[in-house]
Protein backbone atom coordinates (compact mmCIF):
# COMPACT_ATOMS: atom_id res chain seq x y z
CA MET A 1 -46.20 -24.87 58.09
CA GLY A 2 -47.63 -22.42 55.60
CA PHE A 3 -47.72 -21.22 52.03
CA PRO A 4 -45.34 -18.74 50.43
CA GLY A 5 -46.26 -15.22 51.28
CA GLU A 6 -47.85 -16.13 54.62
CA PRO A 7 -46.15 -15.50 57.93
CA PRO A 8 -44.77 -18.70 59.41
CA ARG A 9 -46.99 -20.52 61.91
CA ARG A 10 -45.38 -22.51 64.70
CA GLN A 11 -46.99 -25.17 66.84
CA PRO A 12 -46.31 -24.72 70.54
CA TYR A 13 -44.00 -27.16 72.18
CA VAL A 14 -45.93 -28.59 75.11
CA GLN A 15 -44.48 -31.03 77.58
CA PRO A 16 -46.77 -33.83 78.64
CA ASP A 17 -47.17 -32.61 82.23
CA ALA A 18 -46.76 -28.92 81.47
CA SER A 19 -49.38 -26.56 82.61
CA PRO A 20 -51.21 -24.35 80.09
CA PRO A 21 -49.48 -21.07 79.26
CA ALA A 22 -49.87 -18.29 81.66
CA GLN A 23 -51.94 -15.30 80.84
CA GLY A 24 -49.99 -12.85 78.77
CA GLU A 25 -47.99 -15.47 76.88
CA HIS A 26 -48.83 -15.49 73.22
CA TRP A 27 -47.59 -18.70 71.69
CA PHE A 28 -49.57 -18.26 68.51
CA GLU A 29 -48.41 -14.70 67.98
CA PRO A 30 -47.42 -14.37 64.32
CA ALA A 31 -43.79 -13.70 63.57
CA PRO A 32 -42.88 -10.14 62.75
CA HIS A 33 -42.86 -9.19 59.11
CA GLY A 34 -39.76 -8.04 57.28
CA PRO A 35 -36.38 -9.58 56.54
CA THR A 36 -34.05 -10.76 59.25
CA PRO A 37 -30.45 -9.62 59.28
CA HIS A 38 -29.65 -12.50 56.94
CA GLY A 39 -32.63 -12.01 54.64
CA PRO A 40 -36.04 -13.68 54.60
CA THR A 41 -36.13 -17.40 55.44
CA PRO A 42 -38.84 -19.22 53.46
CA HIS A 43 -41.48 -21.17 55.38
CA GLY A 44 -40.02 -20.13 58.74
CA ARG A 45 -37.09 -22.61 58.69
CA GLY A 46 -33.46 -22.03 59.65
CA PRO A 47 -30.42 -22.74 57.55
CA TYR A 48 -30.61 -26.48 58.36
CA GLY A 49 -34.32 -26.85 57.75
CA LEU A 50 -35.20 -26.48 61.47
CA ASP A 51 -37.16 -23.82 63.14
CA PRO A 52 -34.58 -21.55 64.78
CA THR A 53 -36.81 -21.13 67.84
CA ALA A 54 -37.85 -24.78 68.19
CA ALA A 55 -34.46 -25.93 69.49
CA ALA A 56 -34.47 -23.30 72.17
CA GLY A 57 -37.31 -25.06 74.08
CA PRO A 58 -40.71 -23.79 75.20
CA PRO A 59 -41.17 -20.13 76.00
CA GLN A 60 -40.45 -19.22 79.55
CA PRO A 61 -42.79 -17.22 81.73
CA PRO A 62 -41.91 -13.60 82.22
CA ARG A 63 -39.43 -12.83 84.91
CA ALA A 64 -39.91 -10.34 87.62
CA GLY A 65 -39.79 -6.86 86.22
CA GLN A 66 -40.04 -8.01 82.62
CA HIS A 67 -42.84 -6.63 80.51
CA PRO A 68 -45.01 -9.21 78.78
CA GLU A 69 -44.62 -7.46 75.37
CA GLN A 70 -40.97 -8.47 75.34
CA LEU A 71 -42.07 -12.07 74.89
CA GLN A 72 -43.66 -11.11 71.57
CA GLN A 73 -40.30 -10.28 70.04
CA PRO A 74 -39.08 -13.03 67.70
CA ALA A 75 -36.00 -15.00 68.59
CA GLN A 76 -32.83 -13.46 67.28
CA PRO A 77 -31.40 -15.42 64.34
CA GLU A 78 -27.96 -16.97 64.40
CA ARG A 79 -25.06 -14.72 63.74
CA ARG A 80 -22.44 -15.56 61.17
CA ALA A 81 -19.12 -17.26 61.82
CA ASP A 82 -17.39 -13.95 62.38
CA GLN A 83 -19.37 -13.58 65.66
CA PRO A 84 -18.41 -16.69 67.64
CA GLU A 85 -19.19 -15.14 71.00
CA ARG A 86 -22.90 -15.17 70.25
CA ARG A 87 -22.86 -18.73 68.92
CA ALA A 88 -21.19 -20.00 72.08
CA ALA A 89 -24.19 -18.90 74.14
CA GLN A 90 -26.70 -20.79 71.97
CA PRO A 91 -27.55 -24.44 72.62
CA GLU A 92 -25.82 -26.95 70.38
CA GLN A 93 -27.80 -27.81 67.31
CA PRO A 94 -28.39 -31.50 66.71
CA ARG A 95 -27.12 -31.34 63.10
CA GLN A 96 -24.29 -28.82 63.44
CA ALA A 97 -21.69 -31.52 62.78
CA MET A 98 -23.03 -32.02 59.23
CA TRP A 99 -21.63 -29.69 56.55
CA SER A 100 -24.03 -27.65 54.54
CA PRO A 101 -23.33 -25.45 51.46
CA TYR A 102 -25.22 -22.73 53.29
CA ASP A 103 -22.92 -22.88 56.31
CA GLU A 104 -21.16 -19.59 56.88
CA GLY A 105 -18.47 -21.04 59.14
CA PRO A 106 -14.77 -20.14 58.79
CA ARG A 107 -13.02 -21.66 55.79
CA SER A 108 -9.43 -21.67 54.59
CA ARG A 109 -8.60 -18.81 52.21
CA ARG A 110 -5.30 -20.23 51.02
CA PRO A 111 -6.69 -21.57 47.69
CA ILE A 112 -8.14 -18.13 47.00
CA PHE A 113 -4.75 -16.49 47.56
CA ILE A 114 -2.98 -19.08 45.35
CA ALA A 115 -5.51 -18.63 42.53
CA ALA A 116 -5.27 -14.85 42.76
CA GLY A 117 -1.47 -15.06 42.64
CA GLY A 118 -1.55 -17.32 39.55
CA LEU A 119 -3.99 -14.99 37.82
CA GLY A 120 -1.71 -12.04 38.55
CA VAL A 121 1.25 -13.88 36.99
CA LEU A 122 -0.76 -14.62 33.84
CA VAL A 123 -1.94 -11.01 33.54
CA ALA A 124 1.60 -9.68 34.01
CA GLY A 125 2.93 -12.10 31.37
CA GLY A 126 0.21 -11.07 28.90
CA ILE A 127 0.96 -7.38 29.43
CA GLY A 128 4.67 -8.01 28.87
CA LEU A 129 4.05 -9.87 25.62
CA ALA A 130 1.72 -7.12 24.39
CA MET A 131 4.32 -4.44 25.14
CA LEU A 132 7.00 -6.47 23.35
CA ALA A 133 4.80 -6.93 20.29
CA ASN A 134 3.91 -3.23 20.14
CA SER A 135 7.42 -1.97 20.72
CA ASP A 136 9.13 -0.06 17.93
CA PRO A 137 11.60 -1.95 15.72
CA THR A 138 15.27 -1.52 16.26
CA PRO A 139 16.14 1.97 15.07
CA GLN A 140 18.32 2.13 12.02
CA SER A 141 21.81 3.43 12.23
CA SER A 142 22.12 7.18 12.01
CA THR A 143 24.68 6.70 9.26
CA ALA A 144 22.11 5.17 6.90
CA SER A 145 21.65 7.23 3.78
CA PRO A 146 18.32 9.12 3.56
CA PRO A 147 15.85 8.07 0.88
CA ALA A 148 16.40 9.60 -2.49
CA ARG A 149 14.37 12.74 -2.97
CA ALA A 150 12.10 12.78 -5.91
CA SER A 151 12.98 15.24 -8.61
CA ASP A 152 11.12 18.52 -8.41
CA ALA A 153 10.87 18.65 -12.18
CA PRO A 154 7.40 17.54 -13.30
CA ILE A 155 7.27 14.42 -15.42
CA PRO A 156 5.41 15.28 -18.64
CA SER A 157 2.67 12.95 -19.70
CA ASN A 158 2.89 11.30 -23.09
CA PRO A 159 1.17 13.66 -25.52
CA GLY A 160 0.12 10.72 -27.66
CA GLY A 161 -0.35 11.05 -31.37
CA LYS A 162 1.69 9.40 -34.10
CA PHE A 163 5.07 10.68 -32.93
CA GLY A 164 4.50 11.05 -29.16
CA PHE A 165 7.15 13.22 -27.47
CA ALA A 166 8.94 13.70 -30.79
CA ALA A 167 5.99 15.68 -32.19
CA SER A 168 7.50 18.92 -30.87
CA ARG A 169 10.72 20.20 -29.41
CA ALA A 170 8.68 21.36 -26.39
CA THR A 171 8.24 17.74 -25.33
CA ASP A 172 11.56 16.57 -26.78
CA PRO A 173 13.94 19.39 -25.82
CA HIS A 174 17.30 17.56 -25.74
CA PRO A 175 19.50 17.90 -28.85
CA LEU A 176 20.50 14.81 -30.80
CA GLY A 177 24.02 13.42 -30.59
CA LEU A 178 26.12 11.80 -33.29
CA LYS A 179 26.73 8.78 -31.08
CA GLU A 180 23.02 8.58 -30.39
CA VAL A 181 22.01 8.43 -34.05
CA PHE A 182 25.12 6.95 -35.71
CA LYS A 183 26.56 4.88 -32.89
CA ARG A 184 27.86 1.89 -34.91
CA ARG A 185 30.26 1.91 -37.81
CA LYS A 186 28.84 -1.22 -39.43
CA VAL A 187 25.08 -1.73 -39.59
CA THR A 188 22.80 -4.31 -41.17
CA PHE A 189 19.22 -4.04 -42.36
CA GLY A 190 17.12 -6.35 -44.54
CA GLY A 191 20.04 -8.72 -45.04
CA GLN A 192 22.26 -5.93 -46.43
CA SER A 193 25.35 -4.52 -44.67
CA TYR A 194 26.48 -0.91 -44.75
CA LEU A 195 29.71 0.60 -43.55
CA MET A 196 29.81 4.15 -42.18
CA THR A 197 32.86 6.05 -43.38
CA THR A 198 32.30 9.55 -41.93
CA SER A 199 29.85 11.70 -39.90
CA ARG A 200 29.29 15.36 -39.13
CA LEU A 201 27.11 17.65 -36.98
CA ASP A 202 26.33 21.17 -38.26
CA LYS A 203 24.76 23.78 -35.97
CA LYS A 204 24.22 25.98 -39.03
CA CYS A 205 21.62 23.86 -40.72
CA LYS A 206 21.84 25.66 -44.10
CA ASP A 207 25.42 24.40 -44.51
CA ALA A 208 24.11 20.83 -44.80
CA VAL A 209 21.75 21.40 -47.74
CA VAL A 210 21.71 22.75 -51.29
CA GLY A 211 19.04 25.25 -52.47
CA ALA A 212 17.81 28.63 -51.28
CA LYS A 213 14.24 27.46 -50.61
CA LEU A 214 15.44 24.59 -48.51
CA GLN A 215 17.80 26.79 -46.54
CA LYS A 216 14.96 29.28 -45.94
CA ALA A 217 12.64 26.53 -44.72
CA LEU A 218 15.28 25.35 -42.25
CA THR A 219 15.75 28.85 -40.89
CA ALA A 220 12.01 29.50 -40.60
CA GLY A 221 11.56 26.17 -38.81
CA LYS A 222 14.15 27.15 -36.10
CA CYS A 223 16.55 24.37 -37.04
CA ILE A 224 19.23 24.05 -34.35
CA GLN A 225 21.31 21.12 -35.70
CA PHE A 226 21.83 18.98 -38.77
CA LEU A 227 23.47 15.55 -38.44
CA ARG A 228 24.90 13.63 -41.42
CA ALA A 229 26.75 10.35 -42.02
CA SER A 230 27.96 8.61 -45.21
CA PHE A 231 27.81 4.86 -46.04
CA ARG A 232 28.82 2.33 -48.64
CA ASP A 233 27.34 -1.08 -49.35
CA ALA A 234 29.25 -4.36 -49.11
CA SER A 235 30.01 -4.38 -52.86
CA GLY A 236 31.36 -0.83 -52.81
CA LYS A 237 29.20 0.13 -55.80
CA ILE A 238 26.47 2.07 -53.96
CA ILE A 239 27.32 5.03 -51.75
CA GLY A 240 25.21 7.63 -50.04
CA THR A 241 24.62 10.18 -47.20
CA VAL A 242 21.87 10.17 -44.57
CA GLY A 243 20.92 13.40 -42.73
CA VAL A 244 18.46 14.50 -40.02
CA ALA A 245 17.49 18.09 -39.11
CA ASN A 246 16.15 19.12 -35.66
CA LEU A 247 13.34 21.66 -36.10
CA ARG A 248 10.89 23.27 -33.69
CA THR A 249 7.61 21.63 -34.71
CA SER A 250 6.23 18.83 -36.82
CA ALA A 251 4.81 21.37 -39.28
CA ALA A 252 8.25 22.91 -39.82
CA ALA A 253 9.76 19.48 -40.44
CA SER A 254 7.04 18.61 -42.95
CA LYS A 255 7.72 21.87 -44.77
CA VAL A 256 11.44 21.09 -45.10
CA ALA A 257 10.72 17.57 -46.36
CA SER A 258 8.26 18.82 -49.00
CA VAL A 259 10.69 21.42 -50.33
CA GLY A 260 13.44 18.79 -50.72
CA ALA A 261 11.12 16.51 -52.74
CA GLY A 262 10.62 18.86 -55.67
CA LYS A 263 10.74 17.46 -59.20
CA SER A 264 13.51 19.81 -60.25
CA ARG A 265 15.82 18.37 -57.60
CA GLU A 266 17.27 21.79 -56.98
CA GLU A 267 16.72 21.51 -53.22
CA TYR A 268 18.41 18.51 -51.64
CA LEU A 269 20.73 17.18 -48.97
CA LYS A 270 24.38 17.99 -49.50
CA ALA A 271 26.38 14.78 -49.83
CA LEU A 272 29.18 14.27 -47.30
CA PRO A 273 32.25 12.74 -49.01
CA GLY A 274 34.43 10.38 -47.01
CA LYS A 275 38.21 10.01 -47.06
CA ASP A 276 38.14 6.40 -48.21
CA LYS A 277 38.55 5.33 -51.86
CA VAL A 278 34.80 4.69 -52.32
CA THR A 279 32.75 7.40 -50.55
CA LYS A 280 35.13 10.15 -51.63
CA PHE A 281 33.10 10.26 -54.89
CA LEU A 282 29.91 11.29 -53.14
CA GLY A 283 28.25 14.37 -54.68
CA THR A 284 29.39 13.66 -58.28
CA GLY A 285 27.02 12.27 -60.93
CA GLU A 286 23.33 11.32 -60.77
CA ALA A 287 21.68 10.37 -57.47
CA PHE A 288 18.44 9.37 -55.77
CA ALA A 289 17.50 12.22 -53.33
CA GLY A 290 14.46 12.87 -51.17
CA GLY A 291 13.20 13.30 -47.66
CA TRP A 292 10.35 12.78 -45.13
CA SER A 293 9.51 13.89 -41.60
CA HIS A 294 9.39 12.14 -38.24
CA GLY A 295 7.75 14.48 -35.76
CA HIS A 296 9.82 17.65 -35.47
CA TYR A 297 12.72 15.96 -37.33
CA ALA A 298 13.28 16.14 -41.10
CA VAL A 299 15.11 13.12 -42.58
CA MET A 300 16.89 13.51 -45.95
CA VAL A 301 18.98 11.15 -48.12
CA TRP A 302 21.34 11.23 -51.09
CA PHE A 303 22.34 7.88 -52.72
CA GLN A 304 24.20 7.22 -55.99
CA TYR A 305 26.40 4.77 -57.75
CA LYS A 306 30.11 5.16 -57.26
CA ASP A 307 30.77 6.04 -60.91
CA GLY A 308 27.84 8.51 -60.95
CA HIS A 309 26.07 7.08 -63.98
CA LEU A 310 22.36 7.68 -64.58
CA PRO A 311 20.60 4.73 -62.97
CA LYS A 312 18.04 2.64 -64.84
CA LYS A 313 14.65 1.78 -63.31
CA THR A 314 15.97 -1.42 -61.79
CA GLU A 315 19.01 0.41 -60.45
CA VAL A 316 16.85 3.15 -58.97
CA LYS A 317 15.15 0.43 -56.96
CA GLN A 318 18.51 -0.72 -55.63
CA LEU A 319 19.43 2.85 -54.65
CA ASN A 320 16.09 3.27 -52.92
CA GLN A 321 16.61 0.02 -50.97
CA ALA A 322 20.09 1.08 -49.85
CA ALA A 323 18.91 4.55 -48.76
CA PHE A 324 16.07 3.21 -46.60
CA GLY A 325 18.21 0.33 -45.31
CA ALA A 326 20.98 2.59 -43.98
CA THR A 327 18.44 5.03 -42.53
CA ASP A 328 16.33 2.39 -40.80
CA ALA A 329 19.47 0.91 -39.23
CA THR A 330 20.57 4.25 -37.70
CA VAL A 331 18.25 7.28 -37.67
CA THR A 332 14.87 5.56 -37.35
CA PRO A 333 15.58 3.70 -34.04
CA ALA A 334 16.94 6.88 -32.46
CA LEU A 335 13.88 8.94 -33.42
CA GLU A 336 11.47 6.22 -32.30
CA SER A 337 13.16 6.26 -28.91
CA ARG A 338 12.62 10.01 -28.70
CA SER A 339 8.96 9.48 -29.56
CA LEU A 340 8.57 7.19 -26.55
CA THR A 341 10.65 9.06 -23.95
CA GLY A 342 11.39 12.58 -25.17
CA LYS A 343 14.98 12.28 -23.97
CA ARG A 344 18.31 10.71 -24.84
CA PRO A 345 18.62 6.96 -24.32
């Protein structure tokens, strides 16, 4: 026995009647240093805890012709199970019948093959599932319509301000339509009903007004259209005409509205008589006339009593209410829509 790091020391096996070793035999010769073919064996023991040279018996004296130095060579260790021819020549070990985890004897490899086959099946199944998950979806039919192409025309941003797109014809370029502004024959506003009897669109804006200054302001403001419509109230006593001019800018529209609000009332909207028995009297007698602007549009009104008499203060209020009521039920919603979108509804 010995300590780790020391070469193993073996006691000689001496038979009771054996003679002392002959000269030249070195029983206490230390084992050679360095690993054996199977690696270093700690404390000089074999795989079963026995000294691999102890079972072989005492050393034999040198044979004729054999050099004594050959006895100093250590005994060859056991070979593995794949070299049975060498193991057959060695004496039978007393504990060979007992299994040891360090035994390198032949073992069945069938479980290894079965496990490897099962692992291969699992790997193949996983690869198949991954390929199925990553595969492209079913291609669509070639007859499917292509996605709609976005319009190349840039979408203008809302310019903001009080009138939005309606502030200028540059952001509100589409002309107004009679059906857009006066689309219903009967309208209601503030609990009062008004019936439209006629309508008209003039491309020569000066034909829809009275007064040289007003006509000049329309021409200078690049007016391209003037829309008018005539109404009567439910009683048939109040009649009037509502008009809207399409100018180039908000400044031009404000100019037209200011000219038509003069005290002399020489510049005003031309009334549009209807063919019915009530509105056919439009344009005769005294009337409430005026105007205001909504962006690049100028709005003008003419309202009177059917018989054309000079209205009193209380009657002027009634005319004013009818004029704004008919306008807010027709023109105002159309122009507010233009302010938001800059296009026809």
